[in-house]
Amino acid sequence: MGEADSRTNAYEVDEHPFELRHEVKRLNARLDKIADSLEKSEFKDILENYTDPKKRIITNLMAGVSRGLGLSLGTFVILGLLGYILSLFLDVPVIGEYLGEIKKYIDANS
């Protein structure tokens, strides 16, 4: 708030009893904090985003595409690493025989 506003508020508050003045000053301080918080959080931009259906649809579409692409690429990388690590165990006696059968089954079906 500006300097003139604070002087005007102080003048109006000084006309009331002490308890009321104290409460009004406390509430004014809280309102100033709330106003600052709303300005910092860019509440207006958030509100405009959710009231414009076209912008909201485009945002949600891009978010969905990004999630799907990320999930697909992540799955590809994890399965590739898992396949590589399992191929290192083909020479292990018990596990290697089981993995060799799985590899033959996969090669036969592909």
PDB file of N, CA and C in Angstrom:
ATOM      1  N   MET A   1       0.847  -1.174   0.000  1.00  0.00           N
ATOM      2  CA  MET A   1       0.000   0.000   0.000  1.00  0.00           C
ATOM      3  C   MET A   1       0.889   1.233   0.000  1.00  0.00           C
ATOM      4  N   GLY A   2       0.337   2.323  -0.512  1.00  0.00           N
ATOM      5  CA  GLY A   2       1.123   3.544  -0.598  1.00  0.00           C
ATOM      6  C   GLY A   2       1.207   4.249   0.735  1.00  0.00           C
ATOM      7  N   GLU A   3       2.060   5.267   0.772  1.00  0.00           N
ATOM      8  CA  GLU A   3       2.260   6.017   2.014  1.00  0.00           C
ATOM      9  C   GLU A   3       1.001   6.798   2.382  1.00  0.00           C
ATOM     10  N   ALA A   4       0.309   7.349   1.387  1.00  0.00           N
ATOM     11  CA  ALA A   4      -0.911   8.122   1.654  1.00  0.00           C
ATOM     12  C   ALA A   4      -2.003   7.224   2.217  1.00  0.00           C
ATOM     13  N   ASP A   5      -2.101   5.991   1.709  1.00  0.00           N
ATOM     14  CA  ASP A   5      -3.110   5.054   2.204  1.00  0.00           C
ATOM     15  C   ASP A   5      -2.857   4.700   3.658  1.00  0.00           C
ATOM     16  N   SER A   6      -1.602   4.491   4.016  1.00  0.00           N
ATOM     17  CA  SER A   6      -1.297   4.126   5.404  1.00  0.00           C
ATOM     18  C   SER A   6      -1.597   5.286   6.350  1.00  0.00           C
ATOM     19  N   ARG A   7      -1.362   6.527   5.896  1.00  0.00           N
ATOM     20  CA  ARG A   7      -1.698   7.678   6.750  1.00  0.00           C
ATOM     21  C   ARG A   7      -3.205   7.806   6.912  1.00  0.00           C
ATOM     22  N   THR A   8      -3.955   7.577   5.842  1.00  0.00           N
ATOM     23  CA  THR A   8      -5.418   7.663   5.907  1.00  0.00           C
ATOM     24  C   THR A   8      -5.965   6.576   6.816  1.00  0.00           C
ATOM     25  N   ASN A   9      -5.458   5.342   6.665  1.00  0.00           N
ATOM     26  CA  ASN A   9      -5.910   4.237   7.514  1.00  0.00           C
ATOM     27  C   ASN A   9      -5.564   4.503   8.968  1.00  0.00           C
ATOM     28  N   ALA A  10      -4.393   5.046   9.227  1.00  0.00           N
ATOM     29  CA  ALA A  10      -3.997   5.337  10.605  1.00  0.00           C
ATOM     30  C   ALA A  10      -4.910   6.398  11.200  1.00  0.00           C
ATOM     31  N   TYR A  11      -5.286   7.406  10.424  1.00  0.00           N
ATOM     32  CA  TYR A  11      -6.174   8.457  10.917  1.00  0.00           C
ATOM     33  C   TYR A  11      -7.543   7.879  11.254  1.00  0.00           C
ATOM     34  N   GLU A  12      -8.089   7.026  10.360  1.00  0.00           N
ATOM     35  CA  GLU A  12      -9.403   6.438  10.601  1.00  0.00           C
ATOM     36  C   GLU A  12      -9.372   5.494  11.790  1.00  0.00           C
ATOM     37  N   VAL A  13      -8.313   4.767  11.942  1.00  0.00           N
ATOM     38  CA  VAL A  13      -8.196   3.811  13.043  1.00  0.00           C
ATOM     39  C   VAL A  13      -8.044   4.537  14.368  1.00  0.00           C
ATOM     40  N   ASP A  14      -7.378   5.680  14.388  1.00  0.00           N
ATOM     41  CA  ASP A  14      -7.130   6.402  15.639  1.00  0.00           C
ATOM     42  C   ASP A  14      -8.409   6.938  16.271  1.00  0.00           C
ATOM     43  N   GLU A  15      -9.488   7.005  15.529  1.00  0.00           N
ATOM     44  CA  GLU A  15     -10.739   7.524  16.074  1.00  0.00           C
ATOM     45  C   GLU A  15     -11.492   6.492  16.913  1.00  0.00           C
ATOM     46  N   HIS A  16     -11.103   5.233  16.873  1.00  0.00           N
ATOM     47  CA  HIS A  16     -11.832   4.158  17.550  1.00  0.00           C
ATOM     48  C   HIS A  16     -11.129   3.755  18.843  1.00  0.00           C
ATOM     49  N   PRO A  17     -11.830   2.995  19.684  1.00  0.00           N
ATOM     50  CA  PRO A  17     -11.208   2.522  20.938  1.00  0.00           C
ATOM     51  C   PRO A  17      -9.955   1.686  20.664  1.00  0.00           C
ATOM     52  N   PHE A  18      -9.130   1.559  21.690  1.00  0.00           N
ATOM     53  CA  PHE A  18      -7.827   0.901  21.563  1.00  0.00           C
ATOM     54  C   PHE A  18      -7.943  -0.536  21.051  1.00  0.00           C
ATOM     55  N   GLU A  19      -8.862  -1.333  21.612  1.00  0.00           N
ATOM     56  CA  GLU A  19      -8.982  -2.739  21.215  1.00  0.00           C
ATOM     57  C   GLU A  19      -9.345  -2.856  19.743  1.00  0.00           C
ATOM     58  N   LEU A  20     -10.273  -2.014  19.319  1.00  0.00           N
ATOM     59  CA  LEU A  20     -10.700  -2.054  17.929  1.00  0.00           C
ATOM     60  C   LEU A  20      -9.565  -1.614  17.003  1.00  0.00           C
ATOM     61  N   ARG A  21      -8.822  -0.592  17.404  1.00  0.00           N
ATOM     62  CA  ARG A  21      -7.689  -0.136  16.591  1.00  0.00           C
ATOM     63  C   ARG A  21      -6.662  -1.244  16.432  1.00  0.00           C
ATOM     64  N   HIS A  22      -6.384  -1.938  17.524  1.00  0.00           N
ATOM     65  CA  HIS A  22      -5.404  -3.026  17.482  1.00  0.00           C
ATOM     66  C   HIS A  22      -5.872  -4.134  16.534  1.00  0.00           C
ATOM     67  N   GLU A  23      -7.144  -4.480  16.603  1.00  0.00           N
ATOM     68  CA  GLU A  23      -7.688  -5.537  15.750  1.00  0.00           C
ATOM     69  C   GLU A  23      -7.676  -5.122  14.275  1.00  0.00           C
ATOM     70  N   VAL A  24      -8.044  -3.886  13.999  1.00  0.00           N
ATOM     71  CA  VAL A  24      -8.053  -3.397  12.620  1.00  0.00           C
ATOM     72  C   VAL A  24      -6.638  -3.381  12.047  1.00  0.00           C
ATOM     73  N   LYS A  25      -5.675  -2.952  12.838  1.00  0.00           N
ATOM     74  CA  LYS A  25      -4.282  -2.948  12.369  1.00  0.00           C
ATOM     75  C   LYS A  25      -3.811  -4.370  12.072  1.00  0.00           C
ATOM     76  N   ARG A  26      -4.182  -5.306  12.941  1.00  0.00           N
ATOM     77  CA  ARG A  26      -3.795  -6.703  12.736  1.00  0.00           C
ATOM     78  C   ARG A  26      -4.430  -7.262  11.461  1.00  0.00           C
ATOM     79  N   LEU A  27      -5.710  -6.959  11.245  1.00  0.00           N
ATOM     80  CA  LEU A  27      -6.389  -7.434  10.042  1.00  0.00           C
ATOM     81  C   LEU A  27      -5.826  -6.784   8.778  1.00  0.00           C
ATOM     82  N   ASN A  28      -5.478  -5.515   8.857  1.00  0.00           N
ATOM     83  CA  ASN A  28      -4.859  -4.847   7.705  1.00  0.00           C
ATOM     84  C   ASN A  28      -3.524  -5.492   7.352  1.00  0.00           C
ATOM     85  N   ALA A  29      -2.756  -5.845   8.364  1.00  0.00           N
ATOM     86  CA  ALA A  29      -1.472  -6.505   8.115  1.00  0.00           C
ATOM     87  C   ALA A  29      -1.696  -7.865   7.450  1.00  0.00           C
ATOM     88  N   ARG A  30      -2.706  -8.604   7.913  1.00  0.00           N
ATOM     89  CA  ARG A  30      -3.007  -9.907   7.303  1.00  0.00           C
ATOM     90  C   ARG A  30      -3.453  -9.744   5.858  1.00  0.00           C
ATOM     91  N   LEU A  31      -4.299  -8.742   5.601  1.00  0.00           N
ATOM     92  CA  LEU A  31      -4.757  -8.506   4.229  1.00  0.00           C
ATOM     93  C   LEU A  31      -3.599  -8.125   3.313  1.00  0.00           C
ATOM     94  N   ASP A  32      -2.663  -7.354   3.826  1.00  0.00           N
ATOM     95  CA  ASP A  32      -1.483  -7.008   3.031  1.00  0.00           C
ATOM     96  C   ASP A  32      -0.673  -8.255   2.692  1.00  0.00           C
ATOM     97  N   LYS A  33      -0.524  -9.158   3.665  1.00  0.00           N
ATOM     98  CA  LYS A  33       0.210 -10.405   3.411  1.00  0.00           C
ATOM     99  C   LYS A  33      -0.511 -11.259   2.374  1.00  0.00           C
ATOM    100  N   ILE A  34      -1.840 -11.327   2.469  1.00  0.00           N
ATOM    101  CA  ILE A  34      -2.615 -12.113   1.507  1.00  0.00           C
ATOM    102  C   ILE A  34      -2.489 -11.512   0.109  1.00  0.00           C
ATOM    103  N   ALA A  35      -2.561 -10.196   0.013  1.00  0.00           N
ATOM    104  CA  ALA A  35      -2.424  -9.530  -1.291  1.00  0.00           C
ATOM    105  C   ALA A  35      -1.048  -9.795  -1.891  1.00  0.00           C
ATOM    106  N   ASP A  36      -0.016  -9.728  -1.076  1.00  0.00           N
ATOM    107  CA  ASP A  36       1.336 -10.017  -1.566  1.00  0.00           C
ATOM    108  C   ASP A  36       1.449 -11.461  -2.029  1.00  0.00           C
ATOM    109  N   SER A  37       0.859 -12.381  -1.275  1.00  0.00           N
ATOM    110  CA  SER A  37       0.907 -13.796  -1.650  1.00  0.00           C
ATOM    111  C   SER A  37       0.206 -14.033  -2.981  1.00  0.00           C
ATOM    112  N   LEU A  38      -0.947 -13.399  -3.183  1.00  0.00           N
ATOM    113  CA  LEU A  38      -1.665 -13.565  -4.443  1.00  0.00           C
ATOM    114  C   LEU A  38      -0.877 -12.994  -5.612  1.00  0.00           C
ATOM    115  N   GLU A  39      -0.208 -11.881  -5.402  1.00  0.00           N
ATOM    116  CA  GLU A  39       0.611 -11.308  -6.469  1.00  0.00           C
ATOM    117  C   GLU A  39       1.787 -12.216  -6.800  1.00  0.00           C
ATOM    118  N   LYS A  40       2.412 -12.800  -5.790  1.00  0.00           N
ATOM    119  CA  LYS A  40       3.565 -13.676  -6.020  1.00  0.00           C
ATOM    120  C   LYS A  40       3.146 -14.976  -6.695  1.00  0.00           C
ATOM    121  N   SER A  41       1.966 -15.493  -6.379  1.00  0.00           N
ATOM    122  CA  SER A  41       1.535 -16.772  -6.935  1.00  0.00           C
ATOM    123  C   SER A  41       0.947 -16.630  -8.333  1.00  0.00           C
ATOM    124  N   GLU A  42       0.871 -15.424  -8.838  1.00  0.00           N
ATOM    125  CA  GLU A  42       0.335 -15.163 -10.170  1.00  0.00           C
ATOM    126  C   GLU A  42      -1.045 -15.796 -10.322  1.00  0.00           C
ATOM    127  N   PHE A  43      -1.891 -15.546  -9.343  1.00  0.00           N
ATOM    128  CA  PHE A  43      -3.232 -16.115  -9.293  1.00  0.00           C
ATOM    129  C   PHE A  43      -4.045 -15.742 -10.529  1.00  0.00           C
ATOM    130  N   LYS A  44      -3.835 -14.544 -11.049  1.00  0.00           N
ATOM    131  CA  LYS A  44      -4.574 -14.097 -12.227  1.00  0.00           C
ATOM    132  C   LYS A  44      -4.257 -14.988 -13.425  1.00  0.00           C
ATOM    133  N   ASP A  45      -2.982 -15.323 -13.624  1.00  0.00           N
ATOM    134  CA  ASP A  45      -2.595 -16.180 -14.744  1.00  0.00           C
ATOM    135  C   ASP A  45      -3.195 -17.571 -14.607  1.00  0.00           C
ATOM    136  N   ILE A  46      -3.195 -18.091 -13.394  1.00  0.00           N
ATOM    137  CA  ILE A  46      -3.771 -19.415 -13.161  1.00  0.00           C
ATOM    138  C   ILE A  46      -5.263 -19.394 -13.458  1.00  0.00           C
ATOM    139  N   LEU A  47      -5.944 -18.373 -13.008  1.00  0.00           N
ATOM    140  CA  LEU A  47      -7.379 -18.251 -13.234  1.00  0.00           C
ATOM    141  C   LEU A  47      -7.687 -18.125 -14.721  1.00  0.00           C
ATOM    142  N   GLU A  48      -6.913 -17.348 -15.454  1.00  0.00           N
ATOM    143  CA  GLU A  48      -7.119 -17.210 -16.896  1.00  0.00           C
ATOM    144  C   GLU A  48      -6.897 -18.532 -17.610  1.00  0.00           C
ATOM    145  N   ASN A  49      -5.933 -19.315 -17.165  1.00  0.00           N
ATOM    146  CA  ASN A  49      -5.648 -20.601 -17.785  1.00  0.00           C
ATOM    147  C   ASN A  49      -6.834 -21.550 -17.647  1.00  0.00           C
ATOM    148  N   TYR A  50      -7.483 -21.551 -16.496  1.00  0.00           N
ATOM    149  CA  TYR A  50      -8.583 -22.480 -16.270  1.00  0.00           C
ATOM    150  C   TYR A  50      -9.928 -21.959 -16.755  1.00  0.00           C
ATOM    151  N   THR A  51     -10.033 -20.699 -17.110  1.00  0.00           N
ATOM    152  CA  THR A  51     -11.289 -20.193 -17.645  1.00  0.00           C
ATOM    153  C   THR A  51     -11.298 -20.196 -19.166  1.00  0.00           C
ATOM    154  N   ASP A  52     -10.152 -20.383 -19.808  1.00  0.00           N
ATOM    155  CA  ASP A  52     -10.070 -20.443 -21.262  1.00  0.00           C
ATOM    156  C   ASP A  52     -10.033 -21.912 -21.689  1.00  0.00           C
ATOM    157  N   PRO A  53     -11.148 -22.464 -22.208  1.00  0.00           N
ATOM    158  CA  PRO A  53     -11.203 -23.893 -22.541  1.00  0.00           C
ATOM    159  C   PRO A  53     -10.180 -24.314 -23.597  1.00  0.00           C
ATOM    160  N   LYS A  54      -9.931 -23.468 -24.592  1.00  0.00           N
ATOM    161  CA  LYS A  54      -8.983 -23.835 -25.650  1.00  0.00           C
ATOM    162  C   LYS A  54      -7.579 -24.019 -25.082  1.00  0.00           C
ATOM    163  N   LYS A  55      -7.159 -23.089 -24.235  1.00  0.00           N
ATOM    164  CA  LYS A  55      -5.831 -23.176 -23.626  1.00  0.00           C
ATOM    165  C   LYS A  55      -5.730 -24.413 -22.727  1.00  0.00           C
ATOM    166  N   ARG A  56      -6.802 -24.704 -21.994  1.00  0.00           N
ATOM    167  CA  ARG A  56      -6.803 -25.860 -21.098  1.00  0.00           C
ATOM    168  C   ARG A  56      -6.729 -27.165 -21.886  1.00  0.00           C
ATOM    169  N   ILE A  57      -7.461 -27.253 -23.011  1.00  0.00           N
ATOM    170  CA  ILE A  57      -7.436 -28.465 -23.831  1.00  0.00           C
ATOM    171  C   ILE A  57      -6.042 -28.686 -24.411  1.00  0.00           C
ATOM    172  N   ILE A  58      -5.433 -27.637 -24.930  1.00  0.00           N
ATOM    173  CA  ILE A  58      -4.090 -27.763 -25.512  1.00  0.00           C
ATOM    174  C   ILE A  58      -3.078 -28.171 -24.443  1.00  0.00           C
ATOM    175  N   THR A  59      -3.178 -27.569 -23.268  1.00  0.00           N
ATOM    176  CA  THR A  59      -2.257 -27.907 -22.176  1.00  0.00           C
ATOM    177  C   THR A  59      -2.402 -29.369 -21.771  1.00  0.00           C
ATOM    178  N   ASN A  60      -3.639 -29.827 -21.613  1.00  0.00           N
ATOM    179  CA  ASN A  60      -3.860 -31.213 -21.206  1.00  0.00           C
ATOM    180  C   ASN A  60      -3.458 -32.199 -22.297  1.00  0.00           C
ATOM    181  N   LEU A  61      -3.664 -31.834 -23.565  1.00  0.00           N
ATOM    182  CA  LEU A  61      -3.250 -32.696 -24.667  1.00  0.00           C
ATOM    183  C   LEU A  61      -1.733 -32.865 -24.681  1.00  0.00           C
ATOM    184  N   MET A  62      -1.023 -31.752 -24.530  1.00  0.00           N
ATOM    185  CA  MET A  62       0.442 -31.823 -24.519  1.00  0.00           C
ATOM    186  C   MET A  62       0.952 -32.612 -23.312  1.00  0.00           C
ATOM    187  N   ALA A  63       0.292 -32.454 -22.171  1.00  0.00           N
ATOM    188  CA  ALA A  63       0.698 -33.209 -20.983  1.00  0.00           C
ATOM    189  C   ALA A  63       0.491 -34.703 -21.210  1.00  0.00           C
ATOM    190  N   GLY A  64      -0.623 -35.083 -21.827  1.00  0.00           N
ATOM    191  CA  GLY A  64      -0.889 -36.495 -22.101  1.00  0.00           C
ATOM    192  C   GLY A  64       0.103 -37.093 -23.076  1.00  0.00           C
ATOM    193  N   VAL A  65       0.420 -36.354 -24.133  1.00  0.00           N
ATOM    194  CA  VAL A  65       1.400 -36.834 -25.113  1.00  0.00           C
ATOM    195  C   VAL A  65       2.765 -36.994 -24.454  1.00  0.00           C
ATOM    196  N   SER A  66       3.145 -36.036 -23.636  1.00  0.00           N
ATOM    197  CA  SER A  66       4.445 -36.107 -22.955  1.00  0.00           C
ATOM    198  C   SER A  66       4.517 -37.303 -22.017  1.00  0.00           C
ATOM    199  N   ARG A  67       3.451 -37.532 -21.272  1.00  0.00           N
ATOM    200  CA  ARG A  67       3.446 -38.683 -20.357  1.00  0.00           C
ATOM    201  C   ARG A  67       3.533 -39.995 -21.124  1.00  0.00           C
ATOM    202  N   GLY A  68       2.756 -40.112 -22.203  1.00  0.00           N
ATOM    203  CA  GLY A  68       2.772 -41.343 -22.994  1.00  0.00           C
ATOM    204  C   GLY A  68       4.129 -41.608 -23.609  1.00  0.00           C
ATOM    205  N   LEU A  69       4.738 -40.570 -24.158  1.00  0.00           N
ATOM    206  CA  LEU A  69       6.061 -40.713 -24.763  1.00  0.00           C
ATOM    207  C   LEU A  69       7.106 -41.075 -23.706  1.00  0.00           C
ATOM    208  N   GLY A  70       7.038 -40.424 -22.571  1.00  0.00           N
ATOM    209  CA  GLY A  70       7.983 -40.720 -21.494  1.00  0.00           C
ATOM    210  C   GLY A  70       7.833 -42.142 -20.973  1.00  0.00           C
ATOM    211  N   LEU A  71       6.590 -42.594 -20.832  1.00  0.00           N
ATOM    212  CA  LEU A  71       6.352 -43.960 -20.362  1.00  0.00           C
ATOM    213  C   LEU A  71       6.881 -44.974 -21.369  1.00  0.00           C
ATOM    214  N   SER A  72       6.643 -44.730 -22.657  1.00  0.00           N
ATOM    215  CA  SER A  72       7.114 -45.654 -23.696  1.00  0.00           C
ATOM    216  C   SER A  72       8.635 -45.720 -23.734  1.00  0.00           C
ATOM    217  N   LEU A  73       9.276 -44.565 -23.738  1.00  0.00           N
ATOM    218  CA  LEU A  73      10.742 -44.554 -23.782  1.00  0.00           C
ATOM    219  C   LEU A  73      11.346 -45.155 -22.513  1.00  0.00           C
ATOM    220  N   GLY A  74      10.761 -44.844 -21.374  1.00  0.00           N
ATOM    221  CA  GLY A  74      11.257 -45.404 -20.114  1.00  0.00           C
ATOM    222  C   GLY A  74      11.140 -46.917 -20.081  1.00  0.00           C
ATOM    223  N   THR A  75      10.008 -47.441 -20.547  1.00  0.00           N
ATOM    224  CA  THR A  75       9.816 -48.890 -20.590  1.00  0.00           C
ATOM    225  C   THR A  75      10.826 -49.532 -21.534  1.00  0.00           C
ATOM    226  N   PHE A  76      11.052 -48.918 -22.688  1.00  0.00           N
ATOM    227  CA  PHE A  76      12.018 -49.435 -23.654  1.00  0.00           C
ATOM    228  C   PHE A  76      13.416 -49.516 -23.044  1.00  0.00           C
ATOM    229  N   VAL A  77      13.834 -48.474 -22.364  1.00  0.00           N
ATOM    230  CA  VAL A  77      15.175 -48.438 -21.764  1.00  0.00           C
ATOM    231  C   VAL A  77      15.299 -49.483 -20.657  1.00  0.00           C
ATOM    232  N   ILE A  78      14.305 -49.560 -19.780  1.00  0.00           N
ATOM    233  CA  ILE A  78      14.364 -50.514 -18.664  1.00  0.00           C
ATOM    234  C   ILE A  78      14.377 -51.951 -19.175  1.00  0.00           C
ATOM    235  N   LEU A  79      13.510 -52.278 -20.141  1.00  0.00           N
ATOM    236  CA  LEU A  79      13.495 -53.646 -20.671  1.00  0.00           C
ATOM    237  C   LEU A  79      14.784 -53.967 -21.420  1.00  0.00           C
ATOM    238  N   GLY A  80      15.346 -52.986 -22.118  1.00  0.00           N
ATOM    239  CA  GLY A  80      16.626 -53.203 -22.796  1.00  0.00           C
ATOM    240  C   GLY A  80      17.743 -53.496 -21.811  1.00  0.00           C
ATOM    241  N   LEU A  81      17.804 -52.717 -20.733  1.00  0.00           N
ATOM    242  CA  LEU A  81      18.822 -52.967 -19.701  1.00  0.00           C
ATOM    243  C   LEU A  81      18.610 -54.320 -19.025  1.00  0.00           C
ATOM    244  N   LEU A  82      17.362 -54.647 -18.754  1.00  0.00           N
ATOM    245  CA  LEU A  82      17.059 -55.933 -18.126  1.00  0.00           C
ATOM    246  C   LEU A  82      17.471 -57.089 -19.038  1.00  0.00           C
ATOM    247  N   GLY A  83      17.185 -56.965 -20.341  1.00  0.00           N
ATOM    248  CA  GLY A  83      17.590 -58.002 -21.297  1.00  0.00           C
ATOM    249  C   GLY A  83      19.100 -58.141 -21.374  1.00  0.00           C
ATOM    250  N   TYR A  84      19.803 -57.021 -21.367  1.00  0.00           N
ATOM    251  CA  TYR A  84      21.267 -57.063 -21.417  1.00  0.00           C
ATOM    252  C   TYR A  84      21.835 -57.725 -20.163  1.00  0.00           C
ATOM    253  N   ILE A  85      21.309 -57.345 -19.008  1.00  0.00           N
ATOM    254  CA  ILE A  85      21.800 -57.925 -17.750  1.00  0.00           C
ATOM    255  C   ILE A  85      21.507 -59.418 -17.700  1.00  0.00           C
ATOM    256  N   LEU A  86      20.321 -59.825 -18.150  1.00  0.00           N
ATOM    257  CA  LEU A  86      19.993 -61.255 -18.145  1.00  0.00           C
ATOM    258  C   LEU A  86      20.856 -62.031 -19.136  1.00  0.00           C
ATOM    259  N   SER A  87      21.251 -61.419 -20.244  1.00  0.00           N
ATOM    260  CA  SER A  87      22.109 -62.114 -21.209  1.00  0.00           C
ATOM    261  C   SER A  87      23.491 -62.397 -20.622  1.00  0.00           C
ATOM    262  N   LEU A  88      23.903 -61.637 -19.630  1.00  0.00           N
ATOM    263  CA  LEU A  88      25.186 -61.893 -18.977  1.00  0.00           C
ATOM    264  C   LEU A  88      25.135 -63.151 -18.115  1.00  0.00           C
ATOM    265  N   PHE A  89      23.927 -63.568 -17.731  1.00  0.00           N
ATOM    266  CA  PHE A  89      23.775 -64.735 -16.860  1.00  0.00           C
ATOM    267  C   PHE A  89      23.560 -66.038 -17.627  1.00  0.00           C
ATOM    268  N   LEU A  90      23.719 -66.055 -18.952  1.00  0.00           N
ATOM    269  CA  LEU A  90      23.491 -67.277 -19.725  1.00  0.00           C
ATOM    270  C   LEU A  90      24.498 -68.369 -19.383  1.00  0.00           C
ATOM    271  N   ASP A  91      25.662 -68.007 -18.902  1.00  0.00           N
ATOM    272  CA  ASP A  91      26.692 -68.997 -18.592  1.00  0.00           C
ATOM    273  C   ASP A  91      26.585 -69.543 -17.176  1.00  0.00           C
ATOM    274  N   VAL A  92      25.716 -68.998 -16.346  1.00  0.00           N
ATOM    275  CA  VAL A  92      25.532 -69.481 -14.979  1.00  0.00           C
ATOM    276  C   VAL A  92      24.752 -70.796 -15.051  1.00  0.00           C
ATOM    277  N   PRO A  93      25.185 -71.847 -14.323  1.00  0.00           N
ATOM    278  CA  PRO A  93      24.613 -73.185 -14.492  1.00  0.00           C
ATOM    279  C   PRO A  93      23.074 -73.278 -14.386  1.00  0.00           C
ATOM    280  N   VAL A  94      22.470 -72.934 -13.292  1.00  0.00           N
ATOM    281  CA  VAL A  94      21.030 -73.146 -13.116  1.00  0.00           C
ATOM    282  C   VAL A  94      20.227 -72.056 -13.826  1.00  0.00           C
ATOM    283  N   ILE A  95      20.623 -70.828 -13.611  1.00  0.00           N
ATOM    284  CA  ILE A  95      19.893 -69.705 -14.192  1.00  0.00           C
ATOM    285  C   ILE A  95      20.097 -69.668 -15.706  1.00  0.00           C
ATOM    286  N   GLY A  96      21.287 -70.006 -16.163  1.00  0.00           N
ATOM    287  CA  GLY A  96      21.604 -69.954 -17.590  1.00  0.00           C
ATOM    288  C   GLY A  96      20.743 -70.893 -18.410  1.00  0.00           C
ATOM    289  N   GLU A  97      20.461 -72.088 -17.897  1.00  0.00           N
ATOM    290  CA  GLU A  97      19.614 -73.037 -18.626  1.00  0.00           C
ATOM    291  C   GLU A  97      18.196 -72.480 -18.775  1.00  0.00           C
ATOM    292  N   TYR A  98      17.674 -71.928 -17.707  1.00  0.00           N
ATOM    293  CA  TYR A  98      16.322 -71.363 -17.731  1.00  0.00           C
ATOM    294  C   TYR A  98      16.253 -70.171 -18.682  1.00  0.00           C
ATOM    295  N   LEU A  99      17.252 -69.285 -18.618  1.00  0.00           N
ATOM    296  CA  LEU A  99      17.274 -68.125 -19.498  1.00  0.00           C
ATOM    297  C   LEU A  99      17.497 -68.535 -20.950  1.00  0.00           C
ATOM    298  N   GLY A 100      18.266 -69.613 -21.174  1.00  0.00           N
ATOM    299  CA  GLY A 100      18.472 -70.126 -22.529  1.00  0.00           C
ATOM    300  C   GLY A 100      17.165 -70.614 -23.132  1.00  0.00           C
ATOM    301  N   GLU A 101      16.330 -71.267 -22.323  1.00  0.00           N
ATOM    302  CA  GLU A 101      15.020 -71.714 -22.809  1.00  0.00           C
ATOM    303  C   GLU A 101      14.128 -70.523 -23.154  1.00  0.00           C
ATOM    304  N   ILE A 102      14.173 -69.506 -22.321  1.00  0.00           N
ATOM    305  CA  ILE A 102      13.376 -68.304 -22.592  1.00  0.00           C
ATOM    306  C   ILE A 102      13.853 -67.641 -23.883  1.00  0.00           C
ATOM    307  N   LYS A 103      15.175 -67.591 -24.084  1.00  0.00           N
ATOM    308  CA  LYS A 103      15.727 -66.975 -25.288  1.00  0.00           C
ATOM    309  C   LYS A 103      15.318 -67.763 -26.532  1.00  0.00           C
ATOM    310  N   LYS A 104      15.352 -69.107 -26.451  1.00  0.00           N
ATOM    311  CA  LYS A 104      14.923 -69.927 -27.589  1.00  0.00           C
ATOM    312  C   LYS A 104      13.447 -69.682 -27.901  1.00  0.00           C
ATOM    313  N   TYR A 105      12.628 -69.563 -26.865  1.00  0.00           N
ATOM    314  CA  TYR A 105      11.198 -69.319 -27.046  1.00  0.00           C
ATOM    315  C   TYR A 105      10.956 -67.964 -27.718  1.00  0.00           C
ATOM    316  N   ILE A 106      11.694 -66.963 -27.290  1.00  0.00           N
ATOM    317  CA  ILE A 106      11.550 -65.622 -27.875  1.00  0.00           C
ATOM    318  C   ILE A 106      12.021 -65.621 -29.322  1.00  0.00           C
ATOM    319  N   ASP A 107      13.156 -66.289 -29.603  1.00  0.00           N
ATOM    320  CA  ASP A 107      13.672 -66.336 -30.974  1.00  0.00           C
ATOM    321  C   ASP A 107      12.721 -67.099 -31.891  1.00  0.00           C
ATOM    322  N   ALA A 108      12.068 -68.133 -31.372  1.00  0.00           N
ATOM    323  CA  ALA A 108      11.139 -68.920 -32.184  1.00  0.00           C
ATOM    324  C   ALA A 108       9.881 -68.119 -32.522  1.00  0.00           C
ATOM    325  N   ASN A 109       9.455 -67.265 -31.639  1.00  0.00           N
ATOM    326  CA  ASN A 109       8.221 -66.502 -31.860  1.00  0.00           C
ATOM    327  C   ASN A 109       8.441 -65.188 -32.603  1.00  0.00           C
ATOM    328  N   SER A 110       9.673 -64.780 -32.781  1.00  0.00           N
ATOM    329  CA  SER A 110       9.889 -63.494 -33.457  1.00  0.00           C
ATOM    330  C   SER A 110      10.390 -63.650 -34.856  1.00  0.00           C
TER     331      SER A 110
END
